[in-house]
Amino acid sequence: MSENCHPGIEYLLQLYAEEQSRVDTALTQKVHHVTVQEGMKGEPIPYQLRSDWMVTSVLFLCFILVSYVLAHGKKHLEQQFKNFSLSEASPVMYFSSTPQERIKRHL
């Protein structure tokens, strides 16, 4: 009986190995088939500023900040503009003979 069993077991192991290789081949072909398939090519969409939420939010915050400054700091901005436009910077002023004269003209 043991002599008859050995060829049967070897035959079963051979069938098992063949079936296992067939299954492995089928799985690898399916994996390769899935990875090779890319699908339908689409049309590339160009960059649009409205789709970039970070840039849009920074611009919106800058707009709010400028609006706030213009609404609440008009007097300060007017004074700075007057000081800038009324300042008399002449080359003679920087070449005066003493530092005291420069300070007097600057004030």
PDB file of N, CA and C in Angstrom:
ATOM      1  N   MET A   1       0.800  -1.174   0.000  1.00  0.00           N
ATOM      2  CA  MET A   1       0.000   0.000   0.000  1.00  0.00           C
ATOM      3  C   MET A   1       0.857   1.257   0.000  1.00  0.00           C
ATOM      4  N   SER A   2       1.952   1.263   0.703  1.00  0.00           N
ATOM      5  CA  SER A   2       2.810   2.433   0.751  1.00  0.00           C
ATOM      6  C   SER A   2       3.469   2.668  -0.601  1.00  0.00           C
ATOM      7  N   GLU A   3       3.702   1.606  -1.368  1.00  0.00           N
ATOM      8  CA  GLU A   3       4.284   1.805  -2.694  1.00  0.00           C
ATOM      9  C   GLU A   3       3.307   2.513  -3.614  1.00  0.00           C
ATOM     10  N   ASN A   4       2.037   2.230  -3.490  1.00  0.00           N
ATOM     11  CA  ASN A   4       1.026   2.880  -4.322  1.00  0.00           C
ATOM     12  C   ASN A   4       0.786   4.331  -3.907  1.00  0.00           C
ATOM     13  N   CYS A   5       0.992   4.637  -2.662  1.00  0.00           N
ATOM     14  CA  CYS A   5       0.738   5.993  -2.156  1.00  0.00           C
ATOM     15  C   CYS A   5       1.805   6.979  -2.596  1.00  0.00           C
ATOM     16  N   HIS A   6       3.049   6.607  -2.658  1.00  0.00           N
ATOM     17  CA  HIS A   6       4.119   7.533  -3.019  1.00  0.00           C
ATOM     18  C   HIS A   6       3.920   8.144  -4.403  1.00  0.00           C
ATOM     19  N   PRO A   7       3.628   7.326  -5.433  1.00  0.00           N
ATOM     20  CA  PRO A   7       3.390   7.964  -6.730  1.00  0.00           C
ATOM     21  C   PRO A   7       2.159   8.852  -6.716  1.00  0.00           C
ATOM     22  N   GLY A   8       1.167   8.530  -5.927  1.00  0.00           N
ATOM     23  CA  GLY A   8      -0.031   9.351  -5.838  1.00  0.00           C
ATOM     24  C   GLY A   8       0.271  10.702  -5.206  1.00  0.00           C
ATOM     25  N   ILE A   9       1.088  10.722  -4.166  1.00  0.00           N
ATOM     26  CA  ILE A   9       1.444  11.969  -3.495  1.00  0.00           C
ATOM     27  C   ILE A   9       2.314  12.816  -4.410  1.00  0.00           C
ATOM     28  N   GLU A  10       3.269  12.199  -5.072  1.00  0.00           N
ATOM     29  CA  GLU A  10       4.120  12.946  -5.996  1.00  0.00           C
ATOM     30  C   GLU A  10       3.282  13.559  -7.118  1.00  0.00           C
ATOM     31  N   TYR A  11       2.324  12.780  -7.606  1.00  0.00           N
ATOM     32  CA  TYR A  11       1.452  13.272  -8.670  1.00  0.00           C
ATOM     33  C   TYR A  11       0.603  14.444  -8.176  1.00  0.00           C
ATOM     34  N   LEU A  12       0.086  14.318  -6.955  1.00  0.00           N
ATOM     35  CA  LEU A  12      -0.689  15.429  -6.380  1.00  0.00           C
ATOM     36  C   LEU A  12       0.174  16.663  -6.167  1.00  0.00           C
ATOM     37  N   LEU A  13       1.397  16.493  -5.707  1.00  0.00           N
ATOM     38  CA  LEU A  13       2.311  17.636  -5.521  1.00  0.00           C
ATOM     39  C   LEU A  13       2.629  18.297  -6.864  1.00  0.00           C
ATOM     40  N   GLN A  14       2.800  17.471  -7.899  1.00  0.00           N
ATOM     41  CA  GLN A  14       3.063  18.017  -9.228  1.00  0.00           C
ATOM     42  C   GLN A  14       1.851  18.793  -9.734  1.00  0.00           C
ATOM     43  N   LEU A  15       0.647  18.244  -9.581  1.00  0.00           N
ATOM     44  CA  LEU A  15      -0.561  18.954  -9.977  1.00  0.00           C
ATOM     45  C   LEU A  15      -0.741  20.256  -9.176  1.00  0.00           C
ATOM     46  N   TYR A  16      -0.429  20.187  -7.872  1.00  0.00           N
ATOM     47  CA  TYR A  16      -0.531  21.371  -7.023  1.00  0.00           C
ATOM     48  C   TYR A  16       0.437  22.462  -7.494  1.00  0.00           C
ATOM     49  N   ALA A  17       1.670  22.071  -7.805  1.00  0.00           N
ATOM     50  CA  ALA A  17       2.673  23.030  -8.271  1.00  0.00           C
ATOM     51  C   ALA A  17       2.246  23.640  -9.607  1.00  0.00           C
ATOM     52  N   GLU A  18       1.714  22.826 -10.521  1.00  0.00           N
ATOM     53  CA  GLU A  18       1.250  23.348 -11.807  1.00  0.00           C
ATOM     54  C   GLU A  18       0.089  24.317 -11.617  1.00  0.00           C
ATOM     55  N   GLU A  19      -0.845  23.956 -10.764  1.00  0.00           N
ATOM     56  CA  GLU A  19      -1.992  24.829 -10.514  1.00  0.00           C
ATOM     57  C   GLU A  19      -1.548  26.131  -9.850  1.00  0.00           C
ATOM     58  N   GLN A  20      -0.587  26.019  -8.923  1.00  0.00           N
ATOM     59  CA  GLN A  20      -0.085  27.215  -8.248  1.00  0.00           C
ATOM     60  C   GLN A  20       0.626  28.133  -9.235  1.00  0.00           C
ATOM     61  N   SER A  21       1.396  27.575 -10.145  1.00  0.00           N
ATOM     62  CA  SER A  21       2.083  28.413 -11.143  1.00  0.00           C
ATOM     63  C   SER A  21       1.067  29.039 -12.100  1.00  0.00           C
ATOM     64  N   ARG A  22       0.010  28.311 -12.436  1.00  0.00           N
ATOM     65  CA  ARG A  22      -1.038  28.844 -13.290  1.00  0.00           C
ATOM     66  C   ARG A  22      -1.758  30.014 -12.604  1.00  0.00           C
ATOM     67  N   VAL A  23      -2.028  29.858 -11.315  1.00  0.00           N
ATOM     68  CA  VAL A  23      -2.683  30.922 -10.550  1.00  0.00           C
ATOM     69  C   VAL A  23      -1.754  32.148 -10.447  1.00  0.00           C
ATOM     70  N   ASP A  24      -0.485  31.901 -10.152  1.00  0.00           N
ATOM     71  CA  ASP A  24       0.475  33.010 -10.061  1.00  0.00           C
ATOM     72  C   ASP A  24       0.590  33.743 -11.388  1.00  0.00           C
ATOM     73  N   THR A  25       0.630  33.008 -12.484  1.00  0.00           N
ATOM     74  CA  THR A  25       0.712  33.623 -13.812  1.00  0.00           C
ATOM     75  C   THR A  25      -0.531  34.456 -14.100  1.00  0.00           C
ATOM     76  N   ALA A  26      -1.681  33.913 -13.753  1.00  0.00           N
ATOM     77  CA  ALA A  26      -2.929  34.643 -13.992  1.00  0.00           C
ATOM     78  C   ALA A  26      -2.971  35.927 -13.157  1.00  0.00           C
ATOM     79  N   LEU A  27      -2.526  35.851 -11.911  1.00  0.00           N
ATOM     80  CA  LEU A  27      -2.527  37.041 -11.057  1.00  0.00           C
ATOM     81  C   LEU A  27      -1.554  38.102 -11.553  1.00  0.00           C
ATOM     82  N   THR A  28      -0.370  37.677 -11.957  1.00  0.00           N
ATOM     83  CA  THR A  28       0.611  38.656 -12.440  1.00  0.00           C
ATOM     84  C   THR A  28       0.158  39.273 -13.759  1.00  0.00           C
ATOM     85  N   GLN A  29      -0.494  38.494 -14.623  1.00  0.00           N
ATOM     86  CA  GLN A  29      -1.010  39.065 -15.864  1.00  0.00           C
ATOM     87  C   GLN A  29      -2.108  40.073 -15.568  1.00  0.00           C
ATOM     88  N   LYS A  30      -2.945  39.772 -14.594  1.00  0.00           N
ATOM     89  CA  LYS A  30      -4.019  40.696 -14.243  1.00  0.00           C
ATOM     90  C   LYS A  30      -3.438  41.982 -13.661  1.00  0.00           C
ATOM     91  N   VAL A  31      -2.417  41.868 -12.832  1.00  0.00           N
ATOM     92  CA  VAL A  31      -1.779  43.051 -12.249  1.00  0.00           C
ATOM     93  C   VAL A  31      -1.117  43.876 -13.343  1.00  0.00           C
ATOM     94  N   HIS A  32      -0.398  43.232 -14.227  1.00  0.00           N
ATOM     95  CA  HIS A  32       0.230  43.960 -15.337  1.00  0.00           C
ATOM     96  C   HIS A  32      -0.822  44.592 -16.228  1.00  0.00           C
ATOM     97  N   HIS A  33      -1.906  43.899 -16.437  1.00  0.00           N
ATOM     98  CA  HIS A  33      -2.975  44.424 -17.283  1.00  0.00           C
ATOM     99  C   HIS A  33      -3.595  45.671 -16.657  1.00  0.00           C
ATOM    100  N   VAL A  34      -3.769  45.677 -15.337  1.00  0.00           N
ATOM    101  CA  VAL A  34      -4.377  46.816 -14.652  1.00  0.00           C
ATOM    102  C   VAL A  34      -3.425  47.997 -14.655  1.00  0.00           C
ATOM    103  N   THR A  35      -2.132  47.766 -14.401  1.00  0.00           N
ATOM    104  CA  THR A  35      -1.184  48.874 -14.340  1.00  0.00           C
ATOM    105  C   THR A  35      -0.886  49.452 -15.715  1.00  0.00           C
ATOM    106  N   VAL A  36      -0.983  48.661 -16.750  1.00  0.00           N
ATOM    107  CA  VAL A  36      -0.715  49.151 -18.097  1.00  0.00           C
ATOM    108  C   VAL A  36      -1.873  50.012 -18.585  1.00  0.00           C
ATOM    109  N   GLN A  37      -3.063  49.676 -18.199  1.00  0.00           N
ATOM    110  CA  GLN A  37      -4.225  50.423 -18.642  1.00  0.00           C
ATOM    111  C   GLN A  37      -4.254  51.774 -17.947  1.00  0.00           C
ATOM    112  N   GLU A  38      -4.153  52.847 -18.719  1.00  0.00           N
ATOM    113  CA  GLU A  38      -4.092  54.190 -18.150  1.00  0.00           C
ATOM    114  C   GLU A  38      -5.432  54.895 -18.212  1.00  0.00           C
ATOM    115  N   GLY A  39      -6.320  54.438 -18.986  1.00  0.00           N
ATOM    116  CA  GLY A  39      -7.611  55.085 -19.110  1.00  0.00           C
ATOM    117  C   GLY A  39      -7.613  56.093 -20.238  1.00  0.00           C
ATOM    118  N   MET A  40      -8.670  56.814 -20.309  1.00  0.00           N
ATOM    119  CA  MET A  40      -8.828  57.790 -21.382  1.00  0.00           C
ATOM    120  C   MET A  40      -8.047  59.059 -21.062  1.00  0.00           C
ATOM    121  N   LYS A  41      -7.289  59.541 -22.024  1.00  0.00           N
ATOM    122  CA  LYS A  41      -6.510  60.759 -21.834  1.00  0.00           C
ATOM    123  C   LYS A  41      -7.441  61.953 -21.834  1.00  0.00           C
ATOM    124  N   GLY A  42      -7.233  62.845 -20.887  1.00  0.00           N
ATOM    125  CA  GLY A  42      -8.047  64.039 -20.791  1.00  0.00           C
ATOM    126  C   GLY A  42      -7.327  65.237 -21.377  1.00  0.00           C
ATOM    127  N   GLU A  43      -8.009  66.332 -21.408  1.00  0.00           N
ATOM    128  CA  GLU A  43      -7.424  67.566 -21.907  1.00  0.00           C
ATOM    129  C   GLU A  43      -6.850  68.333 -20.717  1.00  0.00           C
ATOM    130  N   PRO A  44      -5.568  68.722 -20.763  1.00  0.00           N
ATOM    131  CA  PRO A  44      -4.983  69.419 -19.620  1.00  0.00           C
ATOM    132  C   PRO A  44      -5.621  70.791 -19.427  1.00  0.00           C
ATOM    133  N   ILE A  45      -5.879  71.124 -18.162  1.00  0.00           N
ATOM    134  CA  ILE A  45      -6.493  72.398 -17.820  1.00  0.00           C
ATOM    135  C   ILE A  45      -5.387  73.389 -17.478  1.00  0.00           C
ATOM    136  N   PRO A  46      -5.398  74.573 -18.057  1.00  0.00           N
ATOM    137  CA  PRO A  46      -4.360  75.557 -17.738  1.00  0.00           C
ATOM    138  C   PRO A  46      -4.540  76.093 -16.313  1.00  0.00           C
ATOM    139  N   TYR A  47      -3.447  76.645 -15.754  1.00  0.00           N
ATOM    140  CA  TYR A  47      -3.484  77.199 -14.402  1.00  0.00           C
ATOM    141  C   TYR A  47      -4.415  78.395 -14.362  1.00  0.00           C
ATOM    142  N   GLN A  48      -5.263  78.426 -13.358  1.00  0.00           N
ATOM    143  CA  GLN A  48      -6.171  79.551 -13.173  1.00  0.00           C
ATOM    144  C   GLN A  48      -6.003  80.067 -11.762  1.00  0.00           C
ATOM    145  N   LEU A  49      -5.895  81.378 -11.627  1.00  0.00           N
ATOM    146  CA  LEU A  49      -5.699  81.987 -10.323  1.00  0.00           C
ATOM    147  C   LEU A  49      -6.877  81.710  -9.402  1.00  0.00           C
ATOM    148  N   ARG A  50      -8.072  81.650  -9.941  1.00  0.00           N
ATOM    149  CA  ARG A  50      -9.250  81.431  -9.095  1.00  0.00           C
ATOM    150  C   ARG A  50      -9.286  80.032  -8.494  1.00  0.00           C
ATOM    151  N   SER A  51      -8.521  79.104  -9.052  1.00  0.00           N
ATOM    152  CA  SER A  51      -8.492  77.761  -8.484  1.00  0.00           C
ATOM    153  C   SER A  51      -7.388  77.605  -7.446  1.00  0.00           C
ATOM    154  N   ASP A  52      -6.556  78.624  -7.253  1.00  0.00           N
ATOM    155  CA  ASP A  52      -5.486  78.582  -6.266  1.00  0.00           C
ATOM    156  C   ASP A  52      -5.977  79.294  -5.005  1.00  0.00           C
ATOM    157  N   TRP A  53      -6.425  78.555  -4.020  1.00  0.00           N
ATOM    158  CA  TRP A  53      -7.074  79.126  -2.838  1.00  0.00           C
ATOM    159  C   TRP A  53      -6.100  79.913  -1.985  1.00  0.00           C
ATOM    160  N   MET A  54      -4.812  79.546  -1.978  1.00  0.00           N
ATOM    161  CA  MET A  54      -3.835  80.246  -1.139  1.00  0.00           C
ATOM    162  C   MET A  54      -3.607  81.668  -1.656  1.00  0.00           C
ATOM    163  N   VAL A  55      -3.380  81.805  -2.933  1.00  0.00           N
ATOM    164  CA  VAL A  55      -3.154  83.128  -3.514  1.00  0.00           C
ATOM    165  C   VAL A  55      -4.410  83.979  -3.385  1.00  0.00           C
ATOM    166  N   THR A  56      -5.559  83.388  -3.620  1.00  0.00           N
ATOM    167  CA  THR A  56      -6.817  84.121  -3.511  1.00  0.00           C
ATOM    168  C   THR A  56      -7.030  84.628  -2.086  1.00  0.00           C
ATOM    169  N   SER A  57      -6.745  83.812  -1.096  1.00  0.00           N
ATOM    170  CA  SER A  57      -6.942  84.238   0.288  1.00  0.00           C
ATOM    171  C   SER A  57      -5.951  85.325   0.690  1.00  0.00           C
ATOM    172  N   VAL A  58      -4.710  85.254   0.225  1.00  0.00           N
ATOM    173  CA  VAL A  58      -3.725  86.304   0.536  1.00  0.00           C
ATOM    174  C   VAL A  58      -4.141  87.620  -0.106  1.00  0.00           C
ATOM    175  N   LEU A  59      -4.587  87.584  -1.338  1.00  0.00           N
ATOM    176  CA  LEU A  59      -5.050  88.808  -1.993  1.00  0.00           C
ATOM    177  C   LEU A  59      -6.271  89.389  -1.287  1.00  0.00           C
ATOM    178  N   PHE A  60      -7.163  88.548  -0.844  1.00  0.00           N
ATOM    179  CA  PHE A  60      -8.350  89.007  -0.129  1.00  0.00           C
ATOM    180  C   PHE A  60      -7.967  89.662   1.199  1.00  0.00           C
ATOM    181  N   LEU A  61      -7.035  89.063   1.933  1.00  0.00           N
ATOM    182  CA  LEU A  61      -6.580  89.651   3.193  1.00  0.00           C
ATOM    183  C   LEU A  61      -5.870  90.984   2.966  1.00  0.00           C
ATOM    184  N   CYS A  62      -5.076  91.082   1.906  1.00  0.00           N
ATOM    185  CA  CYS A  62      -4.420  92.351   1.578  1.00  0.00           C
ATOM    186  C   CYS A  62      -5.453  93.426   1.246  1.00  0.00           C
ATOM    187  N   PHE A  63      -6.481  93.065   0.534  1.00  0.00           N
ATOM    188  CA  PHE A  63      -7.540  94.018   0.206  1.00  0.00           C
ATOM    189  C   PHE A  63      -8.231  94.520   1.473  1.00  0.00           C
ATOM    190  N   ILE A  64      -8.518  93.620   2.395  1.00  0.00           N
ATOM    191  CA  ILE A  64      -9.162  94.010   3.648  1.00  0.00           C
ATOM    192  C   ILE A  64      -8.245  94.921   4.459  1.00  0.00           C
ATOM    193  N   LEU A  65      -6.963  94.605   4.510  1.00  0.00           N
ATOM    194  CA  LEU A  65      -6.003  95.418   5.257  1.00  0.00           C
ATOM    195  C   LEU A  65      -5.881  96.820   4.667  1.00  0.00           C
ATOM    196  N   VAL A  66      -5.772  96.934   3.356  1.00  0.00           N
ATOM    197  CA  VAL A  66      -5.682  98.242   2.698  1.00  0.00           C
ATOM    198  C   VAL A  66      -6.970  99.032   2.911  1.00  0.00           C
ATOM    199  N   SER A  67      -8.102  98.377   2.835  1.00  0.00           N
ATOM    200  CA  SER A  67      -9.378  99.059   3.079  1.00  0.00           C
ATOM    201  C   SER A  67      -9.445  99.598   4.496  1.00  0.00           C
ATOM    202  N   TYR A  68      -8.996  98.825   5.459  1.00  0.00           N
ATOM    203  CA  TYR A  68      -8.996  99.261   6.853  1.00  0.00           C
ATOM    204  C   TYR A  68      -8.064 100.453   7.060  1.00  0.00           C
ATOM    205  N   VAL A  69      -6.878 100.381   6.484  1.00  0.00           N
ATOM    206  CA  VAL A  69      -5.910 101.473   6.634  1.00  0.00           C
ATOM    207  C   VAL A  69      -6.446 102.752   5.995  1.00  0.00           C
ATOM    208  N   LEU A  70      -7.022 102.644   4.828  1.00  0.00           N
ATOM    209  CA  LEU A  70      -7.560 103.834   4.169  1.00  0.00           C
ATOM    210  C   LEU A  70      -8.756 104.405   4.927  1.00  0.00           C
ATOM    211  N   ALA A  71      -9.557 103.572   5.535  1.00  0.00           N
ATOM    212  CA  ALA A  71     -10.741 104.047   6.252  1.00  0.00           C
ATOM    213  C   ALA A  71     -10.377 104.688   7.588  1.00  0.00           C
ATOM    214  N   HIS A  72      -9.411 104.133   8.300  1.00  0.00           N
ATOM    215  CA  HIS A  72      -9.123 104.602   9.649  1.00  0.00           C
ATOM    216  C   HIS A  72      -7.844 105.424   9.763  1.00  0.00           C
ATOM    217  N   GLY A  73      -7.068 105.537   8.739  1.00  0.00           N
ATOM    218  CA  GLY A  73      -5.802 106.258   8.846  1.00  0.00           C
ATOM    219  C   GLY A  73      -5.663 107.387   7.853  1.00  0.00           C
ATOM    220  N   LYS A  74      -6.752 108.014   7.469  1.00  0.00           N
ATOM    221  CA  LYS A  74      -6.694 109.089   6.470  1.00  0.00           C
ATOM    222  C   LYS A  74      -5.890 110.281   6.976  1.00  0.00           C
ATOM    223  N   LYS A  75      -6.102 110.654   8.233  1.00  0.00           N
ATOM    224  CA  LYS A  75      -5.389 111.819   8.775  1.00  0.00           C
ATOM    225  C   LYS A  75      -3.891 111.562   8.808  1.00  0.00           C
ATOM    226  N   HIS A  76      -3.511 110.382   9.223  1.00  0.00           N
ATOM    227  CA  HIS A  76      -2.086 110.047   9.274  1.00  0.00           C
ATOM    228  C   HIS A  76      -1.474 110.037   7.872  1.00  0.00           C
ATOM    229  N   LEU A  77      -2.170 109.450   6.917  1.00  0.00           N
ATOM    230  CA  LEU A  77      -1.661 109.417   5.550  1.00  0.00           C
ATOM    231  C   LEU A  77      -1.574 110.817   4.943  1.00  0.00           C
ATOM    232  N   GLU A  78      -2.565 111.673   5.218  1.00  0.00           N
ATOM    233  CA  GLU A  78      -2.522 113.046   4.719  1.00  0.00           C
ATOM    234  C   GLU A  78      -1.345 113.805   5.309  1.00  0.00           C
ATOM    235  N   GLN A  79      -1.092 113.621   6.590  1.00  0.00           N
ATOM    236  CA  GLN A  79       0.020 114.302   7.233  1.00  0.00           C
ATOM    237  C   GLN A  79       1.351 113.822   6.659  1.00  0.00           C
ATOM    238  N   GLN A  80       1.489 112.542   6.430  1.00  0.00           N
ATOM    239  CA  GLN A  80       2.723 112.027   5.830  1.00  0.00           C
ATOM    240  C   GLN A  80       2.923 112.573   4.424  1.00  0.00           C
ATOM    241  N   PHE A  81       1.861 112.664   3.664  1.00  0.00           N
ATOM    242  CA  PHE A  81       1.967 113.196   2.304  1.00  0.00           C
ATOM    243  C   PHE A  81       2.342 114.673   2.329  1.00  0.00           C
ATOM    244  N   LYS A  82       1.750 115.447   3.244  1.00  0.00           N
ATOM    245  CA  LYS A  82       2.090 116.862   3.359  1.00  0.00           C
ATOM    246  C   LYS A  82       3.544 117.044   3.763  1.00  0.00           C
ATOM    247  N   ASN A  83       3.996 116.261   4.720  1.00  0.00           N
ATOM    248  CA  ASN A  83       5.400 116.353   5.143  1.00  0.00           C
ATOM    249  C   ASN A  83       6.342 116.007   3.994  1.00  0.00           C
ATOM    250  N   PHE A  84       5.961 115.049   3.211  1.00  0.00           N
ATOM    251  CA  PHE A  84       6.811 114.642   2.087  1.00  0.00           C
ATOM    252  C   PHE A  84       6.836 115.708   0.995  1.00  0.00           C
ATOM    253  N   SER A  85       5.683 116.274   0.685  1.00  0.00           N
ATOM    254  CA  SER A  85       5.616 117.242  -0.404  1.00  0.00           C
ATOM    255  C   SER A  85       6.143 118.617   0.008  1.00  0.00           C
ATOM    256  N   LEU A  86       6.091 118.968   1.279  1.00  0.00           N
ATOM    257  CA  LEU A  86       6.540 120.272   1.729  1.00  0.00           C
ATOM    258  C   LEU A  86       8.008 120.306   2.130  1.00  0.00           C
ATOM    259  N   SER A  87       8.636 119.183   2.206  1.00  0.00           N
ATOM    260  CA  SER A  87      10.050 119.187   2.599  1.00  0.00           C
ATOM    261  C   SER A  87      10.892 119.776   1.475  1.00  0.00           C
ATOM    262  N   GLU A  88      11.798 120.672   1.881  1.00  0.00           N
ATOM    263  CA  GLU A  88      12.665 121.340   0.905  1.00  0.00           C
ATOM    264  C   GLU A  88      14.055 120.747   1.036  1.00  0.00           C
ATOM    265  N   ALA A  89      14.332 119.792   0.237  1.00  0.00           N
ATOM    266  CA  ALA A  89      15.654 119.176   0.258  1.00  0.00           C
ATOM    267  C   ALA A  89      16.468 119.773  -0.871  1.00  0.00           C
ATOM    268  N   SER A  90      17.402 120.596  -0.507  1.00  0.00           N
ATOM    269  CA  SER A  90      18.273 121.198  -1.520  1.00  0.00           C
ATOM    270  C   SER A  90      19.699 120.731  -1.287  1.00  0.00           C
ATOM    271  N   PRO A  91      20.504 120.690  -2.337  1.00  0.00           N
ATOM    272  CA  PRO A  91      21.886 120.237  -2.179  1.00  0.00           C
ATOM    273  C   PRO A  91      22.704 121.174  -1.302  1.00  0.00           C
ATOM    274  N   VAL A  92      22.352 122.465  -1.256  1.00  0.00           N
ATOM    275  CA  VAL A  92      23.101 123.421  -0.452  1.00  0.00           C
ATOM    276  C   VAL A  92      22.977 123.066   1.029  1.00  0.00           C
ATOM    277  N   MET A  93      21.865 122.563   1.409  1.00  0.00           N
ATOM    278  CA  MET A  93      21.604 122.225   2.793  1.00  0.00           C
ATOM    279  C   MET A  93      22.560 121.152   3.308  1.00  0.00           C
ATOM    280  N   TYR A  94      22.954 120.232   2.445  1.00  0.00           N
ATOM    281  CA  TYR A  94      23.832 119.155   2.876  1.00  0.00           C
ATOM    282  C   TYR A  94      25.306 119.551   2.850  1.00  0.00           C
ATOM    283  N   PHE A  95      25.635 120.662   2.212  1.00  0.00           N
ATOM    284  CA  PHE A  95      27.024 121.083   2.140  1.00  0.00           C
ATOM    285  C   PHE A  95      27.289 122.324   2.989  1.00  0.00           C
ATOM    286  N   SER A  96      26.523 122.566   4.004  1.00  0.00           N
ATOM    287  CA  SER A  96      26.736 123.721   4.872  1.00  0.00           C
ATOM    288  C   SER A  96      28.003 123.507   5.695  1.00  0.00           C
ATOM    289  N   SER A  97      28.481 124.573   6.247  1.00  0.00           N
ATOM    290  CA  SER A  97      29.784 124.515   6.899  1.00  0.00           C
ATOM    291  C   SER A  97      29.754 123.875   8.274  1.00  0.00           C
ATOM    292  N   THR A  98      28.651 123.973   9.008  1.00  0.00           N
ATOM    293  CA  THR A  98      28.625 123.415  10.358  1.00  0.00           C
ATOM    294  C   THR A  98      27.460 122.447  10.521  1.00  0.00           C
ATOM    295  N   PRO A  99      27.608 121.488  11.409  1.00  0.00           N
ATOM    296  CA  PRO A  99      26.516 120.544  11.661  1.00  0.00           C
ATOM    297  C   PRO A  99      25.317 121.208  12.324  1.00  0.00           C
ATOM    298  N   GLN A 100      25.539 122.281  13.071  1.00  0.00           N
ATOM    299  CA  GLN A 100      24.428 122.959  13.726  1.00  0.00           C
ATOM    300  C   GLN A 100      23.481 123.564  12.692  1.00  0.00           C
ATOM    301  N   GLU A 101      24.023 124.104  11.613  1.00  0.00           N
ATOM    302  CA  GLU A 101      23.178 124.670  10.566  1.00  0.00           C
ATOM    303  C   GLU A 101      22.340 123.574   9.876  1.00  0.00           C
ATOM    304  N   ARG A 102      22.936 122.421   9.706  1.00  0.00           N
ATOM    305  CA  ARG A 102      22.186 121.317   9.101  1.00  0.00           C
ATOM    306  C   ARG A 102      21.012 120.898   9.987  1.00  0.00           C
ATOM    307  N   ILE A 103      21.251 120.850  11.284  1.00  0.00           N
ATOM    308  CA  ILE A 103      20.183 120.459  12.214  1.00  0.00           C
ATOM    309  C   ILE A 103      19.079 121.495  12.217  1.00  0.00           C
ATOM    310  N   LYS A 104      19.431 122.790  12.189  1.00  0.00           N
ATOM    311  CA  LYS A 104      18.426 123.849  12.188  1.00  0.00           C
ATOM    312  C   LYS A 104      17.574 123.787  10.920  1.00  0.00           C
ATOM    313  N   ARG A 105      18.188 123.554   9.794  1.00  0.00           N
ATOM    314  CA  ARG A 105      17.428 123.485   8.537  1.00  0.00           C
ATOM    315  C   ARG A 105      16.565 122.239   8.445  1.00  0.00           C
ATOM    316  N   HIS A 106      17.062 121.195   9.071  1.00  0.00           N
ATOM    317  CA  HIS A 106      16.320 119.933   9.009  1.00  0.00           C
ATOM    318  C   HIS A 106      15.072 119.970   9.887  1.00  0.00           C
ATOM    319  N   LEU A 107      15.124 120.726  10.966  1.00  0.00           N
ATOM    320  CA  LEU A 107      13.964 120.829  11.847  1.00  0.00           C
ATOM    321  C   LEU A 107      13.065 121.896  11.323  1.00  0.00           C
TER     322      LEU A 107
END
